[in-house]
N, C-alpha and C. Protein backbone atom coordinates (compact mmCIF):
# COMPACT_ATOMS: atom_id res chain seq x y z
N MET A 1 117.69 52.38 69.51
CA MET A 1 116.92 51.48 68.67
C MET A 1 116.11 50.56 69.57
N TYR A 2 114.87 50.27 69.15
CA TYR A 2 114.02 49.40 69.95
C TYR A 2 113.16 48.54 69.03
N VAL A 3 112.62 47.49 69.58
CA VAL A 3 111.76 46.57 68.83
C VAL A 3 110.39 46.55 69.50
N LYS A 4 109.35 46.71 68.73
CA LYS A 4 107.99 46.66 69.25
C LYS A 4 107.36 45.33 68.86
N TYR A 5 106.96 44.55 69.85
CA TYR A 5 106.36 43.24 69.59
C TYR A 5 104.85 43.39 69.39
N GLN A 6 104.33 42.69 68.43
CA GLN A 6 102.89 42.67 68.19
C GLN A 6 102.39 41.24 68.37
N SER A 7 101.22 41.09 68.92
CA SER A 7 100.68 39.74 69.14
C SER A 7 99.16 39.78 69.08
N ASN A 8 98.58 38.62 68.81
CA ASN A 8 97.14 38.45 68.78
C ASN A 8 96.78 37.52 69.93
N ILE A 9 96.15 38.05 70.99
CA ILE A 9 95.91 37.27 72.20
C ILE A 9 94.42 37.01 72.35
N GLU A 10 94.06 35.77 72.68
CA GLU A 10 92.69 35.40 72.98
C GLU A 10 92.67 34.79 74.38
N LYS A 11 91.83 35.31 75.25
CA LYS A 11 91.74 34.83 76.62
C LYS A 11 90.40 34.11 76.81
N HIS A 12 90.47 32.86 77.23
CA HIS A 12 89.26 32.05 77.40
C HIS A 12 89.14 31.62 78.86
N ARG A 13 87.92 31.67 79.36
CA ARG A 13 87.62 31.13 80.68
C ARG A 13 86.38 30.26 80.55
N ASN A 14 86.51 28.99 80.89
CA ASN A 14 85.40 28.08 80.65
C ASN A 14 85.26 27.12 81.83
N TYR A 15 84.19 26.33 81.79
CA TYR A 15 83.88 25.40 82.87
C TYR A 15 83.49 24.05 82.29
N ILE A 16 83.74 23.01 83.07
CA ILE A 16 83.34 21.66 82.66
C ILE A 16 81.82 21.58 82.72
N THR A 17 81.21 21.23 81.60
CA THR A 17 79.75 21.24 81.48
C THR A 17 79.15 19.93 81.96
N THR A 18 78.04 20.02 82.67
CA THR A 18 77.28 18.85 83.09
C THR A 18 76.20 18.55 82.06
N HIS A 19 76.26 17.38 81.45
CA HIS A 19 75.24 16.94 80.50
C HIS A 19 74.41 15.84 81.18
N ARG A 20 73.10 16.00 81.14
CA ARG A 20 72.22 15.03 81.80
C ARG A 20 71.07 14.67 80.87
N VAL A 21 70.80 13.36 80.75
CA VAL A 21 69.66 12.88 79.97
C VAL A 21 68.88 11.87 80.81
N ASP A 22 67.59 11.79 80.58
CA ASP A 22 66.71 10.88 81.31
C ASP A 22 65.85 10.10 80.34
N ASP A 23 65.37 8.96 80.79
CA ASP A 23 64.44 8.15 80.01
C ASP A 23 63.48 7.48 80.98
N SER A 24 62.35 7.02 80.47
CA SER A 24 61.37 6.35 81.32
C SER A 24 60.79 5.15 80.58
N TYR A 25 60.32 4.16 81.33
CA TYR A 25 59.73 2.96 80.74
C TYR A 25 58.79 2.34 81.77
N SER A 26 57.93 1.48 81.29
CA SER A 26 56.93 0.87 82.17
C SER A 26 57.57 -0.23 83.01
N ALA A 27 56.87 -0.59 84.10
CA ALA A 27 57.37 -1.66 84.96
C ALA A 27 57.38 -3.00 84.23
N GLN A 28 56.40 -3.20 83.35
CA GLN A 28 56.36 -4.46 82.59
C GLN A 28 57.55 -4.56 81.63
N TYR A 29 57.86 -3.44 80.96
CA TYR A 29 59.00 -3.46 80.05
C TYR A 29 60.30 -3.68 80.81
N ALA A 30 60.42 -3.10 81.99
CA ALA A 30 61.63 -3.29 82.79
C ALA A 30 61.82 -4.74 83.18
N ALA A 31 60.72 -5.45 83.45
CA ALA A 31 60.82 -6.85 83.86
C ALA A 31 61.04 -7.79 82.69
N PHE A 32 60.53 -7.43 81.51
CA PHE A 32 60.59 -8.35 80.36
C PHE A 32 61.32 -7.73 79.16
N GLU A 33 62.27 -6.83 79.43
CA GLU A 33 62.96 -6.15 78.34
C GLU A 33 63.66 -7.12 77.40
N ASP A 34 64.41 -8.06 77.95
CA ASP A 34 65.14 -9.02 77.11
C ASP A 34 64.19 -9.87 76.29
N LYS A 35 63.04 -10.26 76.88
CA LYS A 35 62.07 -11.08 76.16
C LYS A 35 61.46 -10.30 75.02
N PHE A 36 61.10 -9.05 75.25
CA PHE A 36 60.53 -8.22 74.20
C PHE A 36 61.50 -8.06 73.04
N ILE A 37 62.77 -7.87 73.36
CA ILE A 37 63.77 -7.67 72.31
C ILE A 37 63.98 -8.95 71.52
N SER A 38 64.03 -10.09 72.18
CA SER A 38 64.22 -11.36 71.47
C SER A 38 63.05 -11.65 70.54
N ILE A 39 61.84 -11.31 70.98
CA ILE A 39 60.67 -11.50 70.11
C ILE A 39 60.76 -10.57 68.91
N GLY A 40 61.15 -9.33 69.15
CA GLY A 40 61.28 -8.37 68.07
C GLY A 40 62.32 -8.78 67.05
N GLU A 41 63.35 -9.53 67.46
CA GLU A 41 64.39 -10.00 66.54
C GLU A 41 63.99 -11.28 65.84
N GLY A 42 62.80 -11.82 66.18
CA GLY A 42 62.31 -13.02 65.50
C GLY A 42 62.77 -14.32 66.11
N LYS A 43 63.33 -14.29 67.32
CA LYS A 43 63.81 -15.51 67.95
C LYS A 43 62.67 -16.26 68.63
N GLY A 44 62.60 -17.57 68.41
CA GLY A 44 61.61 -18.40 69.08
C GLY A 44 60.21 -18.23 68.55
N GLN A 45 60.06 -17.77 67.31
CA GLN A 45 58.72 -17.57 66.77
C GLN A 45 58.25 -18.73 65.90
N GLY A 46 59.09 -19.71 65.70
CA GLY A 46 58.69 -20.84 64.86
C GLY A 46 58.54 -20.42 63.42
N ASN A 47 57.37 -20.69 62.85
CA ASN A 47 57.12 -20.36 61.45
C ASN A 47 56.45 -18.99 61.28
N LEU A 48 56.33 -18.23 62.34
CA LEU A 48 55.70 -16.92 62.22
C LEU A 48 56.58 -15.98 61.39
N THR A 49 55.98 -15.28 60.46
CA THR A 49 56.74 -14.42 59.56
C THR A 49 56.32 -12.97 59.65
N GLU A 50 55.32 -12.65 60.47
CA GLU A 50 54.88 -11.27 60.52
C GLU A 50 55.97 -10.39 61.12
N THR A 51 55.93 -9.11 60.75
CA THR A 51 56.91 -8.14 61.25
C THR A 51 56.49 -7.64 62.62
N ILE A 52 57.39 -7.70 63.57
CA ILE A 52 57.14 -7.22 64.92
C ILE A 52 58.13 -6.10 65.21
N TYR A 53 57.61 -4.94 65.53
CA TYR A 53 58.47 -3.81 65.83
C TYR A 53 58.84 -3.84 67.31
N ARG A 54 60.10 -3.61 67.57
CA ARG A 54 60.58 -3.70 68.94
C ARG A 54 61.14 -2.36 69.41
N MET A 55 61.14 -2.17 70.69
CA MET A 55 61.75 -0.98 71.28
C MET A 55 63.25 -1.20 71.44
N ASP A 56 64.00 -0.13 71.32
CA ASP A 56 65.44 -0.23 71.56
C ASP A 56 65.71 -0.41 73.05
N LYS A 57 66.88 -0.91 73.36
CA LYS A 57 67.26 -1.02 74.75
C LYS A 57 67.36 0.36 75.39
N LEU A 58 67.07 0.39 76.67
CA LEU A 58 67.11 1.65 77.40
C LEU A 58 68.49 2.29 77.31
N GLU A 59 69.54 1.46 77.41
CA GLU A 59 70.90 1.99 77.36
C GLU A 59 71.19 2.67 76.02
N LYS A 60 70.65 2.10 74.93
CA LYS A 60 70.87 2.69 73.60
C LYS A 60 70.17 4.03 73.48
N ASN A 61 68.94 4.12 73.98
CA ASN A 61 68.23 5.40 73.94
C ASN A 61 68.99 6.47 74.72
N LEU A 62 69.45 6.11 75.90
CA LEU A 62 70.18 7.07 76.72
C LEU A 62 71.47 7.51 76.05
N LEU A 63 72.20 6.55 75.47
CA LEU A 63 73.47 6.89 74.82
C LEU A 63 73.24 7.79 73.62
N ASP A 64 72.24 7.45 72.78
CA ASP A 64 71.96 8.29 71.61
C ASP A 64 71.56 9.70 72.01
N ASN A 65 70.70 9.80 73.03
CA ASN A 65 70.27 11.12 73.48
C ASN A 65 71.43 11.90 74.10
N PHE A 66 72.28 11.19 74.85
CA PHE A 66 73.42 11.87 75.48
C PHE A 66 74.38 12.41 74.42
N LEU A 67 74.68 11.61 73.40
CA LEU A 67 75.60 12.07 72.35
C LEU A 67 75.02 13.26 71.60
N TYR A 68 73.70 13.25 71.39
CA TYR A 68 73.05 14.37 70.69
C TYR A 68 73.13 15.64 71.55
N VAL A 69 72.81 15.50 72.84
CA VAL A 69 72.84 16.66 73.75
C VAL A 69 74.26 17.18 73.89
N ARG A 70 75.22 16.28 74.02
CA ARG A 70 76.61 16.72 74.18
C ARG A 70 77.11 17.44 72.94
N ASN A 71 76.79 16.92 71.76
CA ASN A 71 77.23 17.55 70.52
C ASN A 71 76.67 18.96 70.41
N ASN A 72 75.36 19.11 70.68
CA ASN A 72 74.75 20.43 70.61
C ASN A 72 75.32 21.36 71.67
N GLY A 73 75.52 20.82 72.88
CA GLY A 73 76.03 21.65 73.96
C GLY A 73 77.43 22.15 73.70
N LEU A 74 78.30 21.29 73.20
CA LEU A 74 79.68 21.70 72.94
C LEU A 74 79.76 22.70 71.80
N LEU A 75 78.71 22.79 70.99
CA LEU A 75 78.68 23.77 69.91
C LEU A 75 78.03 25.08 70.35
N PHE A 76 76.81 25.01 70.93
CA PHE A 76 75.99 26.20 71.10
C PHE A 76 75.83 26.69 72.53
N ASN A 77 76.24 25.91 73.52
CA ASN A 77 76.00 26.31 74.91
C ASN A 77 76.53 27.71 75.22
N LYS A 78 75.79 28.45 76.04
CA LYS A 78 76.26 29.70 76.62
C LYS A 78 76.31 29.52 78.13
N THR A 79 77.40 29.91 78.72
CA THR A 79 77.64 29.60 80.12
C THR A 79 76.57 30.22 81.03
N ASN A 80 76.29 29.52 82.12
CA ASN A 80 75.34 30.02 83.13
C ASN A 80 76.07 30.39 84.43
N VAL A 81 77.39 30.57 84.35
CA VAL A 81 78.19 30.89 85.53
C VAL A 81 78.30 32.41 85.67
N ASP A 82 78.02 32.91 86.87
CA ASP A 82 78.06 34.36 87.09
C ASP A 82 79.48 34.84 87.37
N VAL A 83 79.61 36.11 87.69
CA VAL A 83 80.94 36.70 87.89
C VAL A 83 81.64 36.14 89.12
N ASN A 84 80.89 35.53 90.02
CA ASN A 84 81.49 34.95 91.22
C ASN A 84 81.84 33.47 91.06
N GLY A 85 81.66 32.94 89.85
CA GLY A 85 82.00 31.55 89.60
C GLY A 85 80.93 30.57 90.04
N LYS A 86 79.70 31.04 90.26
CA LYS A 86 78.60 30.18 90.69
C LYS A 86 77.59 30.02 89.56
N PRO A 87 77.09 28.79 89.33
CA PRO A 87 76.07 28.60 88.29
C PRO A 87 74.73 29.15 88.73
N THR A 88 73.93 29.56 87.78
CA THR A 88 72.65 30.17 88.08
C THR A 88 71.52 29.16 88.22
N ILE A 89 71.76 27.88 87.89
CA ILE A 89 70.73 26.86 88.04
C ILE A 89 71.29 25.69 88.82
N SER A 90 70.40 24.92 89.44
CA SER A 90 70.80 23.76 90.23
C SER A 90 69.69 22.72 90.16
N ASP A 91 70.01 21.50 90.56
CA ASP A 91 69.01 20.42 90.59
C ASP A 91 67.97 20.74 91.65
N PRO A 92 66.69 20.78 91.29
CA PRO A 92 65.66 21.17 92.27
C PRO A 92 65.50 20.17 93.41
N ASP A 93 65.88 18.91 93.20
CA ASP A 93 65.70 17.88 94.23
C ASP A 93 66.89 17.81 95.18
N THR A 94 68.08 17.89 94.64
CA THR A 94 69.28 17.73 95.47
C THR A 94 69.99 19.04 95.76
N GLY A 95 69.68 20.10 94.99
CA GLY A 95 70.38 21.35 95.16
C GLY A 95 71.77 21.36 94.57
N ARG A 96 72.13 20.30 93.86
CA ARG A 96 73.46 20.19 93.27
C ARG A 96 73.61 21.20 92.13
N PRO A 97 74.68 21.98 92.12
CA PRO A 97 74.85 22.98 91.04
C PRO A 97 75.05 22.31 89.69
N ILE A 98 74.48 22.90 88.65
CA ILE A 98 74.62 22.40 87.28
C ILE A 98 75.42 23.43 86.49
N TYR A 99 76.66 23.07 86.18
CA TYR A 99 77.55 23.99 85.46
C TYR A 99 77.36 23.82 83.95
N ILE A 100 77.30 24.94 83.27
CA ILE A 100 77.24 24.94 81.82
C ILE A 100 78.35 25.86 81.31
N GLY A 101 79.28 25.29 80.58
CA GLY A 101 80.36 26.07 79.99
C GLY A 101 80.02 26.52 78.58
N ASP A 102 80.73 27.49 78.09
CA ASP A 102 80.52 27.98 76.73
C ASP A 102 80.88 26.91 75.72
N GLY A 103 80.06 26.81 74.66
CA GLY A 103 80.39 25.94 73.54
C GLY A 103 81.40 26.60 72.62
N ILE A 104 81.75 25.90 71.55
CA ILE A 104 82.77 26.41 70.63
C ILE A 104 82.32 27.71 69.98
N ILE A 105 81.07 27.78 69.53
CA ILE A 105 80.61 28.95 68.78
C ILE A 105 80.61 30.21 69.64
N PRO A 106 80.04 30.22 70.86
CA PRO A 106 80.13 31.44 71.67
C PRO A 106 81.56 31.86 71.96
N GLN A 107 82.49 30.90 72.12
CA GLN A 107 83.88 31.26 72.35
C GLN A 107 84.50 31.89 71.11
N VAL A 108 84.23 31.28 69.95
CA VAL A 108 84.83 31.77 68.71
C VAL A 108 84.27 33.15 68.36
N GLU A 109 82.97 33.36 68.62
CA GLU A 109 82.34 34.62 68.22
C GLU A 109 82.93 35.84 68.93
N ARG A 110 83.58 35.62 70.08
CA ARG A 110 84.18 36.75 70.79
C ARG A 110 85.35 37.36 70.01
N PHE A 111 86.00 36.54 69.21
CA PHE A 111 87.22 36.99 68.51
C PHE A 111 87.12 36.85 67.00
N ALA A 112 86.10 36.16 66.51
CA ALA A 112 86.06 35.83 65.09
C ALA A 112 85.70 37.02 64.23
N SER A 113 86.20 36.99 63.00
CA SER A 113 85.76 37.93 61.98
C SER A 113 84.51 37.36 61.32
N LYS A 114 83.52 38.20 61.11
CA LYS A 114 82.27 37.74 60.52
C LYS A 114 82.13 38.32 59.11
N TYR A 115 81.67 37.49 58.22
CA TYR A 115 81.56 37.89 56.81
C TYR A 115 80.18 37.50 56.30
N ALA A 116 79.43 38.47 55.83
CA ALA A 116 78.11 38.23 55.27
C ALA A 116 78.18 38.36 53.75
N PHE A 117 77.55 37.44 53.05
CA PHE A 117 77.56 37.48 51.59
C PHE A 117 76.14 37.33 51.07
N VAL A 118 75.91 37.93 49.92
CA VAL A 118 74.60 37.82 49.26
C VAL A 118 74.60 36.63 48.31
N LYS A 119 75.71 36.45 47.60
CA LYS A 119 75.84 35.35 46.66
C LYS A 119 77.19 34.68 46.87
N LEU A 120 77.17 33.37 47.05
CA LEU A 120 78.41 32.63 47.27
C LEU A 120 79.17 32.47 45.96
N THR A 121 80.44 32.87 45.99
CA THR A 121 81.32 32.74 44.83
C THR A 121 82.69 32.26 45.31
N ILE A 122 83.55 31.98 44.34
CA ILE A 122 84.93 31.62 44.67
C ILE A 122 85.63 32.76 45.40
N ASP A 123 85.28 33.99 45.05
CA ASP A 123 85.89 35.14 45.72
C ASP A 123 85.60 35.15 47.22
N VAL A 124 84.44 34.65 47.62
CA VAL A 124 84.12 34.57 49.05
C VAL A 124 85.09 33.64 49.76
N PHE A 125 85.36 32.49 49.16
CA PHE A 125 86.34 31.57 49.73
C PHE A 125 87.70 32.23 49.87
N ASN A 126 88.11 32.97 48.84
CA ASN A 126 89.43 33.61 48.86
C ASN A 126 89.51 34.68 49.95
N VAL A 127 88.41 35.42 50.16
CA VAL A 127 88.38 36.43 51.22
C VAL A 127 88.50 35.77 52.59
N VAL A 128 87.79 34.66 52.78
CA VAL A 128 87.85 33.95 54.06
C VAL A 128 89.26 33.43 54.32
N ILE A 129 89.89 32.87 53.29
CA ILE A 129 91.26 32.37 53.45
C ILE A 129 92.20 33.51 53.81
N ALA A 130 92.06 34.64 53.14
CA ALA A 130 92.92 35.79 53.43
C ALA A 130 92.70 36.29 54.85
N THR A 131 91.46 36.31 55.31
CA THR A 131 91.16 36.75 56.68
C THR A 131 91.74 35.79 57.70
N MET A 132 91.61 34.49 57.44
CA MET A 132 92.17 33.50 58.35
C MET A 132 93.69 33.57 58.38
N ASN A 133 94.29 33.86 57.23
CA ASN A 133 95.76 33.94 57.17
C ASN A 133 96.31 35.06 58.04
N GLU A 134 95.51 36.12 58.21
CA GLU A 134 95.97 37.24 59.04
C GLU A 134 96.17 36.82 60.49
N LYS A 135 95.45 35.79 60.95
CA LYS A 135 95.57 35.33 62.33
C LYS A 135 96.41 34.05 62.44
N ALA A 136 96.81 33.49 61.31
CA ALA A 136 97.59 32.25 61.33
C ALA A 136 99.07 32.56 61.57
N LYS A 137 99.80 31.51 61.96
CA LYS A 137 101.23 31.67 62.21
C LYS A 137 102.01 31.91 60.93
N LYS A 138 101.53 31.35 59.84
CA LYS A 138 102.24 31.49 58.58
C LYS A 138 101.23 31.70 57.45
N PRO A 139 101.64 32.29 56.33
CA PRO A 139 100.70 32.62 55.27
C PRO A 139 100.32 31.46 54.37
N THR A 140 101.07 30.38 54.40
CA THR A 140 100.78 29.22 53.55
C THR A 140 100.84 27.93 54.38
N GLY A 141 100.34 26.87 53.80
CA GLY A 141 100.38 25.57 54.46
C GLY A 141 99.33 25.39 55.54
N ASN A 142 98.32 26.25 55.58
CA ASN A 142 97.27 26.15 56.59
C ASN A 142 96.13 25.27 56.11
N LYS A 143 95.47 24.63 57.05
CA LYS A 143 94.32 23.78 56.75
C LYS A 143 93.12 24.29 57.56
N TYR A 144 92.13 24.80 56.85
CA TYR A 144 90.94 25.35 57.48
C TYR A 144 89.75 24.42 57.27
N MET A 145 88.82 24.46 58.22
CA MET A 145 87.63 23.61 58.16
C MET A 145 86.38 24.48 58.11
N PHE A 146 85.54 24.22 57.12
CA PHE A 146 84.23 24.86 57.02
C PHE A 146 83.20 23.87 57.57
N ILE A 147 82.60 24.17 58.73
CA ILE A 147 81.46 23.39 59.22
C ILE A 147 80.21 24.16 58.82
N CYS A 148 79.36 23.58 57.98
CA CYS A 148 78.28 24.34 57.37
C CYS A 148 76.94 23.62 57.50
N ASN A 149 75.86 24.40 57.35
CA ASN A 149 74.54 23.80 57.31
C ASN A 149 74.27 23.27 55.90
N GLU A 150 73.13 22.66 55.71
CA GLU A 150 72.86 21.98 54.43
C GLU A 150 72.68 22.96 53.28
N ARG A 151 72.15 24.15 53.56
CA ARG A 151 72.01 25.15 52.51
C ARG A 151 73.38 25.58 52.01
N MET A 152 74.32 25.80 52.92
CA MET A 152 75.68 26.18 52.54
C MET A 152 76.35 25.05 51.77
N TRP A 153 76.14 23.82 52.21
CA TRP A 153 76.73 22.66 51.53
C TRP A 153 76.25 22.58 50.08
N THR A 154 74.96 22.84 49.86
CA THR A 154 74.41 22.82 48.50
C THR A 154 75.04 23.92 47.64
N LEU A 155 75.19 25.10 48.19
CA LEU A 155 75.80 26.20 47.44
C LEU A 155 77.26 25.91 47.12
N ILE A 156 77.96 25.29 48.05
CA ILE A 156 79.37 24.94 47.81
C ILE A 156 79.50 23.99 46.63
N GLN A 157 78.63 22.97 46.58
CA GLN A 157 78.67 22.03 45.48
C GLN A 157 78.41 22.72 44.15
N THR A 158 77.47 23.66 44.13
CA THR A 158 77.14 24.37 42.90
C THR A 158 78.29 25.28 42.46
N VAL A 159 78.85 26.02 43.40
CA VAL A 159 79.92 26.97 43.06
C VAL A 159 81.17 26.24 42.56
N LEU A 160 81.58 25.19 43.25
CA LEU A 160 82.77 24.47 42.82
C LEU A 160 82.54 23.70 41.53
N GLY A 161 81.30 23.25 41.30
CA GLY A 161 80.98 22.62 40.02
C GLY A 161 81.08 23.60 38.87
N ASP A 162 80.58 24.82 39.08
CA ASP A 162 80.70 25.85 38.05
C ASP A 162 82.17 26.25 37.83
N PHE A 163 82.96 26.23 38.92
CA PHE A 163 84.38 26.57 38.82
C PHE A 163 85.10 25.58 37.91
N LEU A 164 84.83 24.29 38.08
CA LEU A 164 85.46 23.29 37.22
C LEU A 164 84.96 23.39 35.79
N ALA A 165 83.68 23.65 35.63
CA ALA A 165 83.13 23.77 34.28
C ALA A 165 83.74 24.95 33.53
N LYS A 166 84.06 26.00 34.26
CA LYS A 166 84.64 27.20 33.64
C LYS A 166 86.08 26.99 33.22
N TYR A 167 86.88 26.35 34.10
CA TYR A 167 88.31 26.20 33.82
C TYR A 167 88.67 24.83 33.27
N LYS A 168 87.73 23.91 33.27
CA LYS A 168 87.94 22.59 32.68
C LYS A 168 89.22 21.95 33.22
N THR A 169 89.30 21.84 34.55
CA THR A 169 90.52 21.34 35.17
C THR A 169 90.41 19.90 35.65
N GLU A 170 89.24 19.29 35.53
CA GLU A 170 89.05 17.95 36.07
C GLU A 170 88.46 17.05 35.00
N GLY A 171 89.26 16.09 34.53
CA GLY A 171 88.80 15.22 33.47
C GLY A 171 87.80 14.17 33.90
N THR A 172 87.77 13.83 35.18
CA THR A 172 86.87 12.77 35.65
C THR A 172 85.57 13.33 36.22
N TYR A 173 85.25 14.55 35.89
CA TYR A 173 84.01 15.14 36.40
C TYR A 173 82.80 14.38 35.85
N ILE A 174 82.88 13.94 34.59
CA ILE A 174 81.82 13.13 34.00
C ILE A 174 82.36 11.70 33.83
N TYR A 175 81.65 10.75 34.40
CA TYR A 175 82.10 9.36 34.39
C TYR A 175 81.50 8.61 33.20
N SER A 176 82.11 7.49 32.85
CA SER A 176 81.64 6.68 31.74
C SER A 176 80.49 5.78 32.20
N LYS A 177 79.95 5.00 31.26
CA LYS A 177 78.84 4.12 31.57
C LYS A 177 79.24 3.08 32.61
N GLN A 178 78.30 2.75 33.48
CA GLN A 178 78.52 1.70 34.44
C GLN A 178 78.02 0.39 33.88
N ALA A 179 78.12 -0.68 34.67
CA ALA A 179 77.76 -2.01 34.19
C ALA A 179 76.28 -2.10 33.82
N ASN A 180 75.44 -1.32 34.48
CA ASN A 180 74.00 -1.37 34.20
C ASN A 180 73.58 -0.35 33.14
N ASP A 181 74.54 0.20 32.41
CA ASP A 181 74.31 1.17 31.34
C ASP A 181 73.85 2.53 31.85
N TYR A 182 73.91 2.73 33.17
CA TYR A 182 73.61 4.06 33.71
C TYR A 182 74.86 4.93 33.60
N ILE A 183 74.66 6.21 33.40
CA ILE A 183 75.77 7.16 33.32
C ILE A 183 75.75 8.04 34.57
N LYS A 184 76.85 8.04 35.29
CA LYS A 184 76.97 8.86 36.48
C LYS A 184 77.61 10.19 36.10
N VAL A 185 76.89 11.27 36.35
CA VAL A 185 77.36 12.61 36.01
C VAL A 185 77.52 13.41 37.30
N GLY A 186 78.63 14.12 37.41
CA GLY A 186 78.83 14.99 38.57
C GLY A 186 79.85 14.45 39.54
N ALA A 187 80.04 15.17 40.63
CA ALA A 187 81.02 14.80 41.64
C ALA A 187 80.66 15.50 42.94
N THR A 188 81.26 15.03 44.03
CA THR A 188 81.09 15.65 45.34
C THR A 188 82.37 16.39 45.69
N PHE A 189 82.24 17.65 46.07
CA PHE A 189 83.40 18.49 46.36
C PHE A 189 83.49 18.70 47.87
N ASP A 190 84.64 18.34 48.44
CA ASP A 190 84.80 18.46 49.89
C ASP A 190 86.02 19.30 50.29
N SER A 191 86.69 19.93 49.32
CA SER A 191 87.83 20.77 49.67
C SER A 191 88.10 21.77 48.55
N TYR A 192 88.81 22.83 48.90
CA TYR A 192 89.20 23.86 47.94
C TYR A 192 90.54 24.41 48.37
N GLU A 193 91.45 24.58 47.41
CA GLU A 193 92.80 25.05 47.72
C GLU A 193 93.09 26.32 46.95
N TYR A 194 93.71 27.27 47.64
CA TYR A 194 94.04 28.55 47.02
C TYR A 194 95.25 29.15 47.73
N GLY A 195 96.24 29.54 46.97
CA GLY A 195 97.41 30.23 47.52
C GLY A 195 98.16 29.43 48.57
N GLY A 196 98.21 28.11 48.42
CA GLY A 196 98.94 27.29 49.38
C GLY A 196 98.18 26.97 50.65
N ASN A 197 96.88 27.28 50.70
CA ASN A 197 96.04 26.98 51.86
C ASN A 197 94.83 26.18 51.40
N GLN A 198 94.34 25.34 52.29
CA GLN A 198 93.25 24.42 51.93
C GLN A 198 92.07 24.57 52.87
N ILE A 199 90.87 24.57 52.27
CA ILE A 199 89.62 24.55 53.02
C ILE A 199 88.96 23.19 52.81
N THR A 200 88.57 22.55 53.89
CA THR A 200 87.81 21.32 53.83
C THR A 200 86.39 21.59 54.32
N PHE A 201 85.40 21.04 53.62
CA PHE A 201 84.00 21.31 53.93
C PHE A 201 83.37 20.10 54.64
N LYS A 202 82.62 20.39 55.69
CA LYS A 202 81.93 19.35 56.45
C LYS A 202 80.52 19.83 56.75
N VAL A 203 79.52 19.07 56.32
CA VAL A 203 78.13 19.45 56.56
C VAL A 203 77.66 18.81 57.87
N ASP A 204 76.93 19.60 58.67
CA ASP A 204 76.44 19.13 59.97
C ASP A 204 74.98 19.56 60.08
N ARG A 205 74.07 18.58 60.20
CA ARG A 205 72.64 18.89 60.27
C ARG A 205 72.29 19.67 61.53
N THR A 206 73.13 19.56 62.55
CA THR A 206 72.90 20.36 63.76
C THR A 206 72.88 21.84 63.43
N PHE A 207 73.73 22.28 62.51
CA PHE A 207 73.75 23.68 62.09
C PHE A 207 72.46 24.04 61.37
N SER A 208 71.92 23.09 60.60
CA SER A 208 70.66 23.36 59.90
C SER A 208 69.52 23.54 60.88
N ARG A 209 69.50 22.72 61.94
CA ARG A 209 68.43 22.84 62.93
C ARG A 209 68.53 24.16 63.69
N GLU A 210 69.74 24.63 63.91
CA GLU A 210 69.94 25.84 64.69
C GLU A 210 69.72 27.10 63.85
N TYR A 211 70.22 27.10 62.61
CA TYR A 211 70.20 28.31 61.79
C TYR A 211 69.23 28.23 60.62
N GLY A 212 68.52 27.10 60.50
CA GLY A 212 67.52 26.97 59.44
C GLY A 212 68.09 26.37 58.17
N PHE A 213 67.16 26.05 57.25
CA PHE A 213 67.54 25.43 55.98
C PHE A 213 67.49 26.42 54.82
N GLN A 214 67.09 27.68 55.08
CA GLN A 214 66.92 28.63 54.00
C GLN A 214 68.15 29.49 53.78
N LYS A 215 68.84 29.88 54.85
CA LYS A 215 70.01 30.74 54.73
C LYS A 215 71.28 29.94 54.97
N ALA A 216 72.31 30.26 54.21
CA ALA A 216 73.58 29.56 54.34
C ALA A 216 74.35 30.07 55.56
N TYR A 217 74.97 29.15 56.27
CA TYR A 217 75.76 29.51 57.45
C TYR A 217 76.91 28.53 57.57
N CYS A 218 78.07 29.03 57.95
CA CYS A 218 79.19 28.12 58.19
C CYS A 218 80.14 28.74 59.20
N LEU A 219 80.90 27.88 59.83
CA LEU A 219 81.92 28.28 60.80
C LEU A 219 83.27 27.80 60.28
N CYS A 220 84.21 28.71 60.16
CA CYS A 220 85.54 28.38 59.65
C CYS A 220 86.52 28.32 60.81
N LEU A 221 87.17 27.18 60.97
CA LEU A 221 88.13 26.97 62.04
C LEU A 221 89.51 26.66 61.46
N ASP A 222 90.53 27.13 62.15
CA ASP A 222 91.91 26.82 61.76
C ASP A 222 92.32 25.53 62.45
N LEU A 223 92.47 24.45 61.68
CA LEU A 223 92.85 23.16 62.23
C LEU A 223 94.27 22.77 61.84
N THR A 224 95.08 23.77 61.51
CA THR A 224 96.47 23.49 61.16
C THR A 224 97.20 22.92 62.38
N ALA A 225 97.83 21.78 62.19
CA ALA A 225 98.51 21.13 63.30
C ALA A 225 99.73 21.94 63.74
N ASP A 226 99.98 21.92 65.04
CA ASP A 226 101.15 22.60 65.60
C ASP A 226 102.42 21.95 65.06
N ALA A 227 103.41 22.77 64.77
CA ALA A 227 104.64 22.25 64.15
C ALA A 227 105.45 21.38 65.10
N THR A 228 105.34 21.61 66.40
CA THR A 228 106.14 20.86 67.36
C THR A 228 105.42 19.64 67.92
N GLU A 229 104.12 19.81 68.24
CA GLU A 229 103.37 18.71 68.85
C GLU A 229 102.40 18.02 67.90
N ALA A 230 102.26 18.55 66.69
CA ALA A 230 101.39 17.96 65.66
C ALA A 230 99.95 17.82 66.13
N GLU A 231 99.50 18.77 66.96
CA GLU A 231 98.13 18.76 67.43
C GLU A 231 97.41 20.01 66.93
N PRO A 232 96.13 19.87 66.50
CA PRO A 232 95.36 21.03 66.06
C PRO A 232 95.04 21.94 67.24
N PRO A 233 94.71 23.20 67.00
CA PRO A 233 94.45 24.14 68.10
C PRO A 233 93.19 23.84 68.89
N ILE A 234 92.26 23.10 68.31
CA ILE A 234 91.03 22.73 69.02
C ILE A 234 91.01 21.21 69.18
């Protein structure tokens, strides 16, 4: 008698990515940055009431740009490291190597199941849950995350709204009059549960910029916390 072990193995090799952003400004702005900002905020203007538009601080521009670049890079980057572990690009002035590691999507696509649909329905959600369950540690109690573009987010709201209208399971879908006599109709749907597993929906405009606003796209991740360390897999 013998026992045959089966396992699902994913092997990842990645590198710490270098993110770099630059900004430029005039010599006059560098010398009088604080003064320009104080004027833009209306300080020391006396009775002047006109609107003065001001530039943001250099540090704020750099931080905003860095966070944007980092977010996109951690999602979509494809590594530039060759088989010998050397990056293919470097700083032209210093010769310093610039490492780019794979983002989440290129890593996931190596092992992920892909599902194309013509029309989004509740059955599509159920198929995705069943596919994810095949790779999960257990068949129930899982928490999955849908990161989607704006087109997908719109379809999700429509499908789940029709689902409630069909089964009449939510009494607060239509709200009563507010203080200003306006009537608020509808709701925002951010999760769906089926067979003991839950999908949470998160819209990200970065996906819309990458995949467009016309076709629906989403990435489903298993964020079920580990039973021993209570940490998600990503």
